[in-house]
N, C-alpha and C. Protein backbone atom coordinates (compact mmCIF):
# COMPACT_ATOMS: atom_id res chain seq x y z
N MET A 1 0.85 -1.18 0.00
CA MET A 1 0.00 0.00 0.00
C MET A 1 0.87 1.22 0.00
N SER A 2 0.51 2.21 -0.81
CA SER A 2 1.21 3.49 -0.78
C SER A 2 0.19 4.60 -0.83
N ILE A 3 0.60 5.73 -0.28
CA ILE A 3 -0.26 6.91 -0.27
C ILE A 3 0.44 8.01 -1.04
N ARG A 4 -0.25 8.60 -1.98
CA ARG A 4 0.34 9.65 -2.79
C ARG A 4 0.39 10.92 -1.96
N PRO A 5 1.58 11.39 -1.56
CA PRO A 5 1.66 12.52 -0.63
C PRO A 5 1.06 13.80 -1.18
N GLU A 6 1.12 13.97 -2.50
CA GLU A 6 0.54 15.18 -3.07
C GLU A 6 -0.98 15.14 -3.05
N ALA A 7 -1.56 13.93 -2.84
CA ALA A 7 -3.00 13.78 -2.91
C ALA A 7 -3.63 13.59 -1.54
N LEU A 8 -2.82 13.52 -0.50
CA LEU A 8 -3.34 13.18 0.81
C LEU A 8 -2.91 14.21 1.84
N LYS A 9 -3.90 14.80 2.48
CA LYS A 9 -3.62 15.76 3.54
C LYS A 9 -3.97 15.12 4.87
N ILE A 10 -2.95 14.75 5.63
CA ILE A 10 -3.16 14.11 6.92
C ILE A 10 -3.70 15.14 7.90
N ILE A 11 -4.82 14.83 8.54
CA ILE A 11 -5.43 15.74 9.51
C ILE A 11 -5.48 15.01 10.85
N PRO A 12 -4.57 15.33 11.78
CA PRO A 12 -4.58 14.66 13.09
C PRO A 12 -5.89 14.92 13.82
N SER A 13 -6.35 13.92 14.57
CA SER A 13 -7.58 14.05 15.36
C SER A 13 -7.23 14.18 16.83
N GLU A 14 -7.88 15.10 17.52
CA GLU A 14 -7.66 15.23 18.95
C GLU A 14 -8.46 14.19 19.73
N THR A 15 -9.58 13.71 19.17
CA THR A 15 -10.45 12.77 19.89
C THR A 15 -10.16 11.32 19.54
N VAL A 16 -9.64 11.06 18.34
CA VAL A 16 -9.30 9.70 17.91
C VAL A 16 -7.92 9.73 17.27
N PRO A 17 -6.88 9.93 18.06
CA PRO A 17 -5.55 10.12 17.49
C PRO A 17 -4.96 8.84 16.89
N PHE A 18 -4.16 9.04 15.85
CA PHE A 18 -3.41 7.97 15.22
C PHE A 18 -2.29 7.52 16.15
N ILE A 19 -2.06 6.18 16.23
CA ILE A 19 -1.04 5.63 17.12
C ILE A 19 0.14 5.05 16.34
N ILE A 20 -0.13 4.12 15.43
CA ILE A 20 0.94 3.41 14.74
C ILE A 20 0.38 2.75 13.48
N LYS A 21 1.24 2.42 12.53
CA LYS A 21 0.84 1.64 11.37
C LYS A 21 1.85 0.54 11.12
N THR A 22 1.40 -0.54 10.47
CA THR A 22 2.28 -1.65 10.14
C THR A 22 1.69 -2.43 8.98
N ASN A 23 2.54 -3.16 8.28
CA ASN A 23 2.09 -3.97 7.15
C ASN A 23 1.72 -5.37 7.63
N VAL A 24 0.61 -5.91 7.12
CA VAL A 24 0.13 -7.23 7.53
C VAL A 24 -0.25 -8.04 6.28
N PRO A 25 0.50 -9.10 5.97
CA PRO A 25 0.10 -9.99 4.88
C PRO A 25 -1.01 -10.92 5.37
N THR A 26 -2.04 -11.11 4.56
CA THR A 26 -3.17 -11.94 4.94
C THR A 26 -3.58 -12.84 3.78
N GLN A 27 -4.55 -13.70 4.03
CA GLN A 27 -5.07 -14.57 2.98
C GLN A 27 -5.81 -13.77 1.92
N SER A 28 -6.23 -12.55 2.27
CA SER A 28 -6.93 -11.69 1.31
C SER A 28 -5.99 -10.72 0.61
N GLY A 29 -4.70 -10.76 0.95
CA GLY A 29 -3.74 -9.84 0.34
C GLY A 29 -2.94 -9.10 1.40
N ASN A 30 -2.11 -8.18 0.94
CA ASN A 30 -1.28 -7.40 1.84
C ASN A 30 -1.97 -6.08 2.18
N PHE A 31 -2.04 -5.79 3.47
CA PHE A 31 -2.71 -4.58 3.94
C PHE A 31 -1.79 -3.78 4.84
N THR A 32 -2.04 -2.48 4.90
CA THR A 32 -1.39 -1.64 5.89
C THR A 32 -2.44 -1.31 6.94
N VAL A 33 -2.14 -1.63 8.20
CA VAL A 33 -3.09 -1.45 9.29
C VAL A 33 -2.67 -0.24 10.11
N TYR A 34 -3.58 0.73 10.19
CA TYR A 34 -3.39 1.94 10.99
C TYR A 34 -4.21 1.78 12.28
N ALA A 35 -3.58 2.05 13.43
CA ALA A 35 -4.28 1.95 14.71
C ALA A 35 -4.57 3.34 15.25
N PHE A 36 -5.77 3.49 15.81
CA PHE A 36 -6.22 4.74 16.42
C PHE A 36 -6.78 4.42 17.80
N SER A 37 -6.76 5.38 18.69
CA SER A 37 -7.31 5.19 20.04
C SER A 37 -8.32 6.30 20.33
N GLU A 38 -9.56 5.90 20.63
CA GLU A 38 -10.61 6.88 20.88
C GLU A 38 -10.62 7.27 22.36
N HIS A 39 -10.39 8.53 22.65
CA HIS A 39 -10.29 8.98 24.04
C HIS A 39 -11.56 8.73 24.83
N LYS A 40 -12.72 9.04 24.25
CA LYS A 40 -13.99 8.99 25.00
C LYS A 40 -14.31 7.58 25.46
N THR A 41 -14.07 6.59 24.61
CA THR A 41 -14.45 5.21 24.92
C THR A 41 -13.27 4.34 25.36
N SER A 42 -12.05 4.85 25.21
CA SER A 42 -10.83 4.08 25.49
C SER A 42 -10.72 2.84 24.59
N GLN A 43 -11.40 2.87 23.47
CA GLN A 43 -11.34 1.75 22.52
C GLN A 43 -10.34 2.05 21.41
N ASP A 44 -9.68 0.99 20.95
CA ASP A 44 -8.78 1.10 19.80
C ASP A 44 -9.53 0.71 18.54
N HIS A 45 -9.30 1.45 17.47
CA HIS A 45 -9.95 1.18 16.20
C HIS A 45 -8.88 1.07 15.11
N LEU A 46 -9.24 0.42 14.00
CA LEU A 46 -8.28 0.16 12.94
C LEU A 46 -8.77 0.68 11.59
N ALA A 47 -7.83 1.14 10.79
CA ALA A 47 -8.08 1.38 9.37
C ALA A 47 -7.21 0.39 8.62
N ILE A 48 -7.83 -0.53 7.89
CA ILE A 48 -7.13 -1.60 7.18
C ILE A 48 -7.14 -1.22 5.71
N VAL A 49 -5.98 -0.86 5.19
CA VAL A 49 -5.89 -0.17 3.89
C VAL A 49 -5.23 -1.07 2.86
N HIS A 50 -5.80 -1.06 1.65
CA HIS A 50 -5.21 -1.79 0.53
C HIS A 50 -5.09 -0.87 -0.67
N GLY A 51 -3.93 -0.93 -1.33
CA GLY A 51 -3.76 -0.20 -2.57
C GLY A 51 -3.33 1.24 -2.37
N ASP A 52 -3.31 1.98 -3.47
CA ASP A 52 -2.92 3.38 -3.46
C ASP A 52 -4.14 4.23 -3.13
N ILE A 53 -4.04 4.99 -2.06
CA ILE A 53 -5.15 5.84 -1.64
C ILE A 53 -4.90 7.26 -2.14
N ASP A 54 -5.76 7.71 -3.02
CA ASP A 54 -5.70 9.07 -3.54
C ASP A 54 -6.94 9.80 -3.04
N ALA A 55 -6.77 10.65 -2.05
CA ALA A 55 -7.91 11.29 -1.39
C ALA A 55 -8.69 12.22 -2.31
N ARG A 56 -8.14 12.50 -3.49
CA ARG A 56 -8.88 13.32 -4.45
C ARG A 56 -9.95 12.50 -5.16
N GLN A 57 -9.86 11.18 -5.03
CA GLN A 57 -10.80 10.28 -5.69
C GLN A 57 -11.83 9.77 -4.68
N ARG A 58 -12.89 9.15 -5.20
CA ARG A 58 -13.87 8.48 -4.33
C ARG A 58 -13.27 7.15 -3.87
N ILE A 59 -13.27 6.90 -2.55
CA ILE A 59 -12.58 5.76 -1.98
C ILE A 59 -13.60 4.70 -1.54
N LEU A 60 -13.30 3.44 -1.85
CA LEU A 60 -14.13 2.33 -1.42
C LEU A 60 -13.90 2.10 0.08
N VAL A 61 -14.99 2.11 0.87
CA VAL A 61 -14.88 2.04 2.33
C VAL A 61 -15.93 1.08 2.89
N ARG A 62 -15.52 0.29 3.85
CA ARG A 62 -16.43 -0.48 4.69
C ARG A 62 -16.21 -0.06 6.14
N ILE A 63 -17.27 0.36 6.83
CA ILE A 63 -17.22 0.63 8.27
C ILE A 63 -17.81 -0.59 8.94
N HIS A 64 -17.00 -1.29 9.73
CA HIS A 64 -17.39 -2.59 10.27
C HIS A 64 -17.20 -2.61 11.78
N SER A 65 -18.24 -3.00 12.50
CA SER A 65 -18.15 -3.10 13.96
C SER A 65 -17.77 -4.52 14.36
N GLU A 66 -16.92 -4.62 15.36
CA GLU A 66 -16.40 -5.90 15.84
C GLU A 66 -17.53 -6.88 16.19
N CYS A 67 -17.33 -8.15 15.82
CA CYS A 67 -18.27 -9.21 16.20
C CYS A 67 -17.46 -10.45 16.53
N TRP A 68 -17.11 -10.62 17.81
CA TRP A 68 -16.27 -11.73 18.22
C TRP A 68 -16.93 -13.07 17.93
N THR A 69 -18.22 -13.18 18.20
CA THR A 69 -18.90 -14.47 18.01
C THR A 69 -18.92 -14.87 16.54
N GLY A 70 -19.11 -13.91 15.65
CA GLY A 70 -19.13 -14.22 14.23
C GLY A 70 -17.75 -14.42 13.64
N GLU A 71 -16.83 -13.52 14.00
CA GLU A 71 -15.52 -13.51 13.35
C GLU A 71 -14.55 -14.54 13.95
N VAL A 72 -14.73 -14.90 15.22
CA VAL A 72 -13.84 -15.88 15.86
C VAL A 72 -14.49 -17.26 15.91
N LEU A 73 -15.74 -17.32 16.38
CA LEU A 73 -16.43 -18.60 16.52
C LEU A 73 -17.10 -19.06 15.22
N GLY A 74 -17.29 -18.11 14.30
CA GLY A 74 -18.02 -18.47 13.09
C GLY A 74 -19.51 -18.63 13.33
N SER A 75 -20.05 -17.87 14.29
CA SER A 75 -21.47 -17.96 14.61
C SER A 75 -22.34 -17.73 13.38
N LEU A 76 -23.40 -18.52 13.27
CA LEU A 76 -24.35 -18.38 12.16
C LEU A 76 -25.54 -17.52 12.53
N ARG A 77 -25.56 -16.99 13.76
CA ARG A 77 -26.69 -16.15 14.19
C ARG A 77 -26.75 -14.84 13.43
N CYS A 78 -25.60 -14.38 12.94
CA CYS A 78 -25.53 -13.07 12.29
C CYS A 78 -24.79 -13.20 10.96
N ASP A 79 -24.66 -12.09 10.25
CA ASP A 79 -23.97 -12.07 8.97
C ASP A 79 -22.66 -11.29 9.04
N CYS A 80 -22.18 -11.00 10.25
CA CYS A 80 -21.05 -10.09 10.42
C CYS A 80 -19.76 -10.62 9.79
N SER A 81 -19.44 -11.89 10.03
CA SER A 81 -18.22 -12.45 9.48
C SER A 81 -18.25 -12.45 7.96
N GLN A 82 -19.39 -12.82 7.40
CA GLN A 82 -19.51 -12.83 5.94
C GLN A 82 -19.35 -11.42 5.36
N GLN A 83 -19.94 -10.44 6.04
CA GLN A 83 -19.82 -9.06 5.56
C GLN A 83 -18.37 -8.60 5.58
N LEU A 84 -17.64 -8.96 6.63
CA LEU A 84 -16.24 -8.55 6.73
C LEU A 84 -15.42 -9.19 5.62
N GLN A 85 -15.64 -10.48 5.37
CA GLN A 85 -14.87 -11.16 4.33
C GLN A 85 -15.19 -10.61 2.94
N ILE A 86 -16.46 -10.29 2.71
CA ILE A 86 -16.83 -9.68 1.42
C ILE A 86 -16.11 -8.35 1.25
N ALA A 87 -16.04 -7.58 2.33
CA ALA A 87 -15.36 -6.28 2.28
C ALA A 87 -13.88 -6.43 1.98
N PHE A 88 -13.20 -7.39 2.66
CA PHE A 88 -11.79 -7.62 2.39
C PHE A 88 -11.56 -8.04 0.94
N LYS A 89 -12.43 -8.90 0.43
CA LYS A 89 -12.29 -9.34 -0.96
C LYS A 89 -12.45 -8.17 -1.91
N SER A 90 -13.43 -7.31 -1.62
CA SER A 90 -13.68 -6.16 -2.50
C SER A 90 -12.51 -5.20 -2.53
N ILE A 91 -11.97 -4.86 -1.34
CA ILE A 91 -10.87 -3.88 -1.35
C ILE A 91 -9.56 -4.52 -1.80
N SER A 92 -9.43 -5.85 -1.69
CA SER A 92 -8.21 -6.49 -2.18
C SER A 92 -8.16 -6.49 -3.70
N GLU A 93 -9.32 -6.33 -4.34
CA GLU A 93 -9.39 -6.31 -5.80
C GLU A 93 -9.24 -4.90 -6.36
N THR A 94 -9.21 -3.92 -5.49
CA THR A 94 -9.05 -2.53 -5.91
C THR A 94 -8.33 -1.80 -4.80
N ASN A 95 -8.61 -0.52 -4.60
CA ASN A 95 -8.02 0.24 -3.50
C ASN A 95 -9.14 0.60 -2.54
N GLY A 96 -8.86 0.54 -1.24
CA GLY A 96 -9.92 0.89 -0.30
C GLY A 96 -9.51 0.70 1.14
N ILE A 97 -10.48 0.92 2.03
CA ILE A 97 -10.23 0.88 3.48
C ILE A 97 -11.38 0.16 4.17
N VAL A 98 -11.05 -0.76 5.06
CA VAL A 98 -12.00 -1.28 6.04
C VAL A 98 -11.71 -0.59 7.36
N ILE A 99 -12.68 0.17 7.86
CA ILE A 99 -12.56 0.79 9.17
C ILE A 99 -13.21 -0.14 10.18
N TYR A 100 -12.37 -0.70 11.06
CA TYR A 100 -12.82 -1.73 12.01
C TYR A 100 -12.98 -1.09 13.37
N LEU A 101 -14.23 -0.98 13.82
CA LEU A 101 -14.56 -0.30 15.07
C LEU A 101 -14.80 -1.32 16.18
N ARG A 102 -14.22 -1.07 17.34
CA ARG A 102 -14.37 -1.98 18.48
C ARG A 102 -15.68 -1.66 19.20
N GLN A 103 -16.78 -2.03 18.58
CA GLN A 103 -18.12 -1.78 19.11
C GLN A 103 -18.89 -3.09 19.17
N GLU A 104 -18.38 -4.01 19.98
CA GLU A 104 -18.96 -5.35 20.07
C GLU A 104 -20.43 -5.30 20.52
N GLY A 105 -21.22 -6.17 19.90
CA GLY A 105 -22.62 -6.29 20.31
C GLY A 105 -23.43 -5.02 20.14
N ARG A 106 -23.20 -4.33 19.02
CA ARG A 106 -23.86 -3.05 18.78
C ARG A 106 -23.61 -2.06 19.92
N GLY A 107 -22.41 -2.18 20.49
CA GLY A 107 -21.97 -1.21 21.49
C GLY A 107 -22.19 -1.61 22.93
N ILE A 108 -22.80 -2.79 23.19
CA ILE A 108 -23.08 -3.16 24.59
C ILE A 108 -22.01 -4.06 25.19
N GLY A 109 -21.03 -4.50 24.38
CA GLY A 109 -19.95 -5.34 24.89
C GLY A 109 -20.24 -6.82 24.75
N LEU A 110 -19.18 -7.61 24.83
CA LEU A 110 -19.31 -9.04 24.56
C LEU A 110 -20.16 -9.77 25.59
N VAL A 111 -19.95 -9.53 26.88
CA VAL A 111 -20.71 -10.25 27.90
C VAL A 111 -22.20 -9.93 27.79
N ASN A 112 -22.53 -8.66 27.63
CA ASN A 112 -23.93 -8.28 27.48
C ASN A 112 -24.52 -8.84 26.19
N LYS A 113 -23.70 -8.96 25.17
CA LYS A 113 -24.16 -9.57 23.93
C LYS A 113 -24.55 -11.04 24.16
N LEU A 114 -23.73 -11.75 24.94
CA LEU A 114 -24.06 -13.14 25.25
C LEU A 114 -25.33 -13.23 26.10
N LYS A 115 -25.52 -12.26 27.00
CA LYS A 115 -26.77 -12.22 27.76
C LYS A 115 -27.95 -12.00 26.83
N ALA A 116 -27.75 -11.16 25.82
CA ALA A 116 -28.81 -10.92 24.83
C ALA A 116 -29.11 -12.19 24.05
N TYR A 117 -28.06 -12.97 23.73
CA TYR A 117 -28.27 -14.24 23.06
C TYR A 117 -29.16 -15.16 23.91
N ALA A 118 -28.89 -15.18 25.22
CA ALA A 118 -29.68 -16.04 26.10
C ALA A 118 -31.14 -15.61 26.10
N LEU A 119 -31.40 -14.31 26.07
CA LEU A 119 -32.78 -13.82 26.00
C LEU A 119 -33.42 -14.17 24.67
N GLN A 120 -32.63 -14.16 23.61
CA GLN A 120 -33.17 -14.55 22.31
C GLN A 120 -33.58 -16.02 22.29
N GLU A 121 -32.87 -16.83 23.05
CA GLU A 121 -33.23 -18.24 23.13
C GLU A 121 -34.56 -18.44 23.85
N GLN A 122 -34.98 -17.40 24.61
CA GLN A 122 -36.27 -17.45 25.30
C GLN A 122 -37.39 -16.84 24.44
N GLY A 123 -37.06 -16.41 23.23
CA GLY A 123 -38.09 -15.93 22.32
C GLY A 123 -38.02 -14.48 21.92
N LEU A 124 -37.13 -13.69 22.54
CA LEU A 124 -37.00 -12.29 22.17
C LEU A 124 -36.18 -12.16 20.89
N ASP A 125 -36.42 -11.08 20.14
CA ASP A 125 -35.55 -10.83 18.99
C ASP A 125 -34.38 -9.96 19.44
N THR A 126 -33.50 -9.60 18.53
CA THR A 126 -32.28 -8.88 18.89
C THR A 126 -32.57 -7.52 19.51
N VAL A 127 -33.53 -6.81 18.96
CA VAL A 127 -33.90 -5.49 19.51
C VAL A 127 -34.56 -5.65 20.87
N GLU A 128 -35.51 -6.56 20.98
CA GLU A 128 -36.22 -6.77 22.25
C GLU A 128 -35.26 -7.18 23.37
N ALA A 129 -34.26 -7.99 23.03
CA ALA A 129 -33.30 -8.44 24.04
C ALA A 129 -32.49 -7.27 24.59
N ASN A 130 -32.03 -6.39 23.72
CA ASN A 130 -31.30 -5.21 24.19
C ASN A 130 -32.17 -4.32 25.07
N LEU A 131 -33.39 -4.11 24.65
CA LEU A 131 -34.30 -3.25 25.41
C LEU A 131 -34.62 -3.88 26.77
N ALA A 132 -34.75 -5.20 26.81
CA ALA A 132 -35.05 -5.89 28.06
C ALA A 132 -33.93 -5.73 29.08
N MET A 133 -32.70 -5.52 28.61
CA MET A 133 -31.57 -5.32 29.50
C MET A 133 -31.32 -3.85 29.84
N GLY A 134 -32.19 -2.99 29.31
CA GLY A 134 -32.06 -1.57 29.61
C GLY A 134 -31.18 -0.79 28.66
N PHE A 135 -30.83 -1.40 27.52
CA PHE A 135 -30.02 -0.73 26.51
C PHE A 135 -30.89 -0.26 25.34
N PRO A 136 -30.45 0.76 24.60
CA PRO A 136 -31.08 1.03 23.31
C PRO A 136 -30.87 -0.15 22.38
N ASP A 137 -31.61 -0.20 21.29
CA ASP A 137 -31.42 -1.30 20.34
C ASP A 137 -30.05 -1.26 19.69
N ASP A 138 -29.44 -0.07 19.63
CA ASP A 138 -28.12 0.06 19.00
C ASP A 138 -27.38 1.23 19.64
N LEU A 139 -26.31 0.94 20.38
CA LEU A 139 -25.54 1.97 21.07
C LEU A 139 -24.38 2.52 20.24
N ARG A 140 -24.19 1.98 19.06
CA ARG A 140 -23.02 2.38 18.27
C ARG A 140 -23.12 3.82 17.79
N ASN A 141 -21.94 4.43 17.63
CA ASN A 141 -21.87 5.70 16.90
C ASN A 141 -20.66 5.64 15.98
N TYR A 142 -20.58 6.57 15.06
CA TYR A 142 -19.58 6.48 14.00
C TYR A 142 -18.65 7.69 13.99
N HIS A 143 -18.50 8.32 15.17
CA HIS A 143 -17.58 9.45 15.29
C HIS A 143 -16.15 9.03 14.94
N ALA A 144 -15.73 7.88 15.46
CA ALA A 144 -14.36 7.43 15.19
C ALA A 144 -14.14 7.19 13.70
N ALA A 145 -15.13 6.62 13.03
CA ALA A 145 -15.01 6.38 11.59
C ALA A 145 -14.85 7.69 10.83
N VAL A 146 -15.62 8.70 11.22
CA VAL A 146 -15.52 10.01 10.58
C VAL A 146 -14.14 10.60 10.80
N GLU A 147 -13.63 10.51 12.04
CA GLU A 147 -12.31 11.06 12.34
C GLU A 147 -11.21 10.33 11.58
N ILE A 148 -11.36 9.03 11.40
CA ILE A 148 -10.37 8.27 10.65
C ILE A 148 -10.38 8.68 9.18
N LEU A 149 -11.55 8.86 8.61
CA LEU A 149 -11.63 9.33 7.22
C LEU A 149 -11.03 10.71 7.09
N LYS A 150 -11.27 11.58 8.05
CA LYS A 150 -10.68 12.92 8.03
C LYS A 150 -9.16 12.85 8.14
N PHE A 151 -8.66 11.91 8.94
CA PHE A 151 -7.22 11.72 9.07
C PHE A 151 -6.58 11.49 7.70
N PHE A 152 -7.25 10.71 6.87
CA PHE A 152 -6.74 10.43 5.53
C PHE A 152 -7.12 11.52 4.52
N GLY A 153 -7.88 12.51 4.95
CA GLY A 153 -8.29 13.58 4.04
C GLY A 153 -9.35 13.17 3.05
N ILE A 154 -10.08 12.10 3.36
CA ILE A 154 -11.07 11.55 2.42
C ILE A 154 -12.40 12.28 2.56
N GLN A 155 -12.93 12.75 1.45
CA GLN A 155 -14.19 13.49 1.45
C GLN A 155 -15.28 12.83 0.61
N ARG A 156 -14.90 11.83 -0.19
CA ARG A 156 -15.88 11.13 -1.02
C ARG A 156 -15.65 9.63 -0.89
N VAL A 157 -16.72 8.90 -0.59
CA VAL A 157 -16.59 7.46 -0.39
C VAL A 157 -17.66 6.69 -1.14
N SER A 158 -17.31 5.49 -1.55
CA SER A 158 -18.28 4.47 -1.95
C SER A 158 -18.39 3.55 -0.74
N LEU A 159 -19.49 3.65 -0.02
CA LEU A 159 -19.63 2.99 1.28
C LEU A 159 -20.37 1.66 1.13
N MET A 160 -19.70 0.58 1.49
CA MET A 160 -20.31 -0.75 1.45
C MET A 160 -21.15 -0.93 2.72
N THR A 161 -22.46 -0.76 2.60
CA THR A 161 -23.30 -0.82 3.80
C THR A 161 -24.76 -1.04 3.44
N ASN A 162 -25.49 -1.56 4.42
CA ASN A 162 -26.96 -1.61 4.36
C ASN A 162 -27.57 -0.75 5.46
N ASN A 163 -26.71 -0.10 6.26
CA ASN A 163 -27.15 0.61 7.46
C ASN A 163 -27.27 2.10 7.20
N PRO A 164 -28.49 2.64 7.19
CA PRO A 164 -28.66 4.07 6.90
C PRO A 164 -28.03 4.98 7.96
N LYS A 165 -27.82 4.48 9.18
CA LYS A 165 -27.20 5.30 10.22
C LYS A 165 -25.75 5.63 9.88
N LYS A 166 -25.06 4.70 9.24
CA LYS A 166 -23.68 4.96 8.82
C LYS A 166 -23.66 6.03 7.73
N ILE A 167 -24.58 5.91 6.79
CA ILE A 167 -24.65 6.90 5.71
C ILE A 167 -24.92 8.27 6.28
N LEU A 168 -25.89 8.37 7.20
CA LEU A 168 -26.25 9.65 7.79
C LEU A 168 -25.08 10.26 8.57
N ALA A 169 -24.37 9.44 9.34
CA ALA A 169 -23.25 9.95 10.14
C ALA A 169 -22.18 10.57 9.25
N LEU A 170 -21.88 9.92 8.15
CA LEU A 170 -20.86 10.45 7.25
C LEU A 170 -21.36 11.70 6.53
N LYS A 171 -22.61 11.68 6.08
CA LYS A 171 -23.14 12.85 5.38
C LYS A 171 -23.21 14.07 6.30
N GLU A 172 -23.58 13.85 7.56
CA GLU A 172 -23.67 14.95 8.51
C GLU A 172 -22.30 15.56 8.79
N SER A 173 -21.24 14.80 8.56
CA SER A 173 -19.89 15.32 8.76
C SER A 173 -19.33 15.98 7.50
N GLY A 174 -20.13 16.00 6.44
CA GLY A 174 -19.71 16.65 5.20
C GLY A 174 -19.08 15.73 4.18
N ILE A 175 -19.11 14.43 4.43
CA ILE A 175 -18.54 13.47 3.49
C ILE A 175 -19.58 13.07 2.46
N ASP A 176 -19.20 13.06 1.20
CA ASP A 176 -20.08 12.66 0.11
C ASP A 176 -20.13 11.13 0.06
N VAL A 177 -21.34 10.58 0.15
CA VAL A 177 -21.50 9.12 0.26
C VAL A 177 -22.28 8.57 -0.93
N GLU A 178 -21.67 7.60 -1.59
CA GLU A 178 -22.34 6.76 -2.58
C GLU A 178 -22.47 5.38 -1.96
N ARG A 179 -23.70 4.88 -1.83
CA ARG A 179 -23.92 3.59 -1.17
C ARG A 179 -23.74 2.42 -2.13
N ILE A 180 -23.02 1.40 -1.66
CA ILE A 180 -22.92 0.13 -2.36
C ILE A 180 -23.58 -0.93 -1.49
N PRO A 181 -24.67 -1.58 -1.95
CA PRO A 181 -25.31 -2.62 -1.13
C PRO A 181 -24.30 -3.68 -0.71
N HIS A 182 -24.46 -4.18 0.52
CA HIS A 182 -23.44 -5.06 1.09
C HIS A 182 -24.12 -6.19 1.86
N GLN A 183 -24.80 -7.05 1.11
CA GLN A 183 -25.59 -8.11 1.75
C GLN A 183 -24.98 -9.47 1.48
N SER A 184 -24.85 -10.26 2.54
CA SER A 184 -24.35 -11.62 2.41
C SER A 184 -25.52 -12.58 2.24
N LYS A 185 -25.20 -13.86 2.11
CA LYS A 185 -26.24 -14.87 1.90
C LYS A 185 -27.09 -15.04 3.16
N ILE A 186 -28.39 -15.08 2.97
CA ILE A 186 -29.32 -15.32 4.07
C ILE A 186 -29.47 -16.82 4.28
N SER A 187 -29.41 -17.23 5.54
CA SER A 187 -29.51 -18.65 5.88
C SER A 187 -30.66 -18.86 6.85
N PRO A 188 -31.08 -20.09 7.07
CA PRO A 188 -32.12 -20.34 8.07
C PRO A 188 -31.73 -19.85 9.45
N GLU A 189 -30.42 -19.91 9.77
CA GLU A 189 -29.97 -19.52 11.11
C GLU A 189 -30.03 -18.00 11.33
N ASN A 190 -29.84 -17.22 10.26
CA ASN A 190 -29.83 -15.76 10.47
C ASN A 190 -31.03 -15.04 9.85
N LEU A 191 -31.99 -15.80 9.33
CA LEU A 191 -33.12 -15.17 8.64
C LEU A 191 -33.91 -14.24 9.57
N GLN A 192 -34.22 -14.69 10.80
CA GLN A 192 -34.98 -13.85 11.71
C GLN A 192 -34.18 -12.62 12.11
N TYR A 193 -32.88 -12.79 12.34
CA TYR A 193 -31.99 -11.67 12.65
C TYR A 193 -32.02 -10.63 11.53
N MET A 194 -31.98 -11.10 10.29
CA MET A 194 -31.99 -10.19 9.15
C MET A 194 -33.35 -9.49 9.01
N ARG A 195 -34.42 -10.22 9.27
CA ARG A 195 -35.75 -9.61 9.22
C ARG A 195 -35.87 -8.47 10.22
N VAL A 196 -35.34 -8.68 11.44
CA VAL A 196 -35.41 -7.65 12.48
C VAL A 196 -34.54 -6.46 12.09
N LYS A 197 -33.39 -6.73 11.50
CA LYS A 197 -32.54 -5.64 11.01
C LYS A 197 -33.33 -4.73 10.07
N ALA A 198 -34.08 -5.34 9.17
CA ALA A 198 -34.83 -4.56 8.18
C ALA A 198 -36.06 -3.89 8.79
N SER A 199 -36.84 -4.65 9.57
CA SER A 199 -38.13 -4.14 10.05
C SER A 199 -38.01 -3.17 11.22
N LYS A 200 -37.01 -3.38 12.09
CA LYS A 200 -36.91 -2.56 13.29
C LYS A 200 -35.72 -1.60 13.28
N SER A 201 -34.67 -1.94 12.54
CA SER A 201 -33.48 -1.09 12.51
C SER A 201 -33.32 -0.36 11.20
N GLY A 202 -34.21 -0.61 10.25
CA GLY A 202 -34.21 0.16 9.00
C GLY A 202 -33.12 -0.20 8.02
N HIS A 203 -32.49 -1.36 8.18
CA HIS A 203 -31.44 -1.74 7.24
C HIS A 203 -32.03 -2.03 5.86
N LEU A 204 -31.26 -1.69 4.85
CA LEU A 204 -31.72 -1.78 3.46
C LEU A 204 -31.36 -3.16 2.92
N LEU A 205 -32.29 -4.10 3.06
CA LEU A 205 -32.01 -5.50 2.75
C LEU A 205 -33.05 -6.07 1.80
N ASP A 206 -32.59 -7.01 0.98
CA ASP A 206 -33.49 -7.83 0.17
C ASP A 206 -33.53 -9.20 0.80
N PHE A 207 -34.66 -9.88 0.67
CA PHE A 207 -34.83 -11.14 1.38
C PHE A 207 -35.12 -12.31 0.48
N ILE A 208 -34.63 -13.47 0.91
CA ILE A 208 -34.97 -14.75 0.32
C ILE A 208 -35.82 -15.46 1.37
N GLU A 209 -37.12 -15.34 1.27
CA GLU A 209 -37.99 -15.80 2.34
C GLU A 209 -37.94 -17.30 2.55
N ASP A 210 -37.61 -18.05 1.51
CA ASP A 210 -37.57 -19.50 1.68
C ASP A 210 -36.14 -20.00 1.85
N ALA A 211 -35.30 -19.16 2.52
CA ALA A 211 -33.88 -19.53 2.71
C ALA A 211 -33.77 -20.92 3.32
N ARG A 212 -32.93 -21.72 2.76
CA ARG A 212 -32.75 -23.09 3.25
C ARG A 212 -31.24 -23.37 3.41
């Protein structure tokens, strides 16, 4: 990965400062990983970059929130791992950035996420489970993602997402957003989860009702 210095204006962030970068070879290709630390949440976030980034151009971007159960255990309850792999494949074929945010369980943390899973086993859906524990349905925010994009001087993105909240957060910060649908295969295990995403969280999804 290289950055064209004449095309990139680095803008340091006071709230989500840059810490370090390093090169990481992976099964999806070679990436440069930039680490940032968010003061308000004490969480570390990553920008995983592939190819030549020219901030004067529209940049392919995926904003992805951490999902330990999906990405480590391979859980079939959600589509998070599949979405991440699709994003890596897409940016490995061109130039782009995956912004990886440490916002496990839609911001409620891993242990609370597992508690929500237990409530879902009793018949609640993902939104109902969060509300039953006293949380909003989604605690995530995208301030760190905006600050990371500003760090790279990026003002125009092709955003791989189905989540209108991500689009709104970037647009409200002055970033020009072109949406690229980012839907993985629907399975019997995640069909109800996907339905709730669309019906209660407003995600822009198409459905295969007879998923098998």
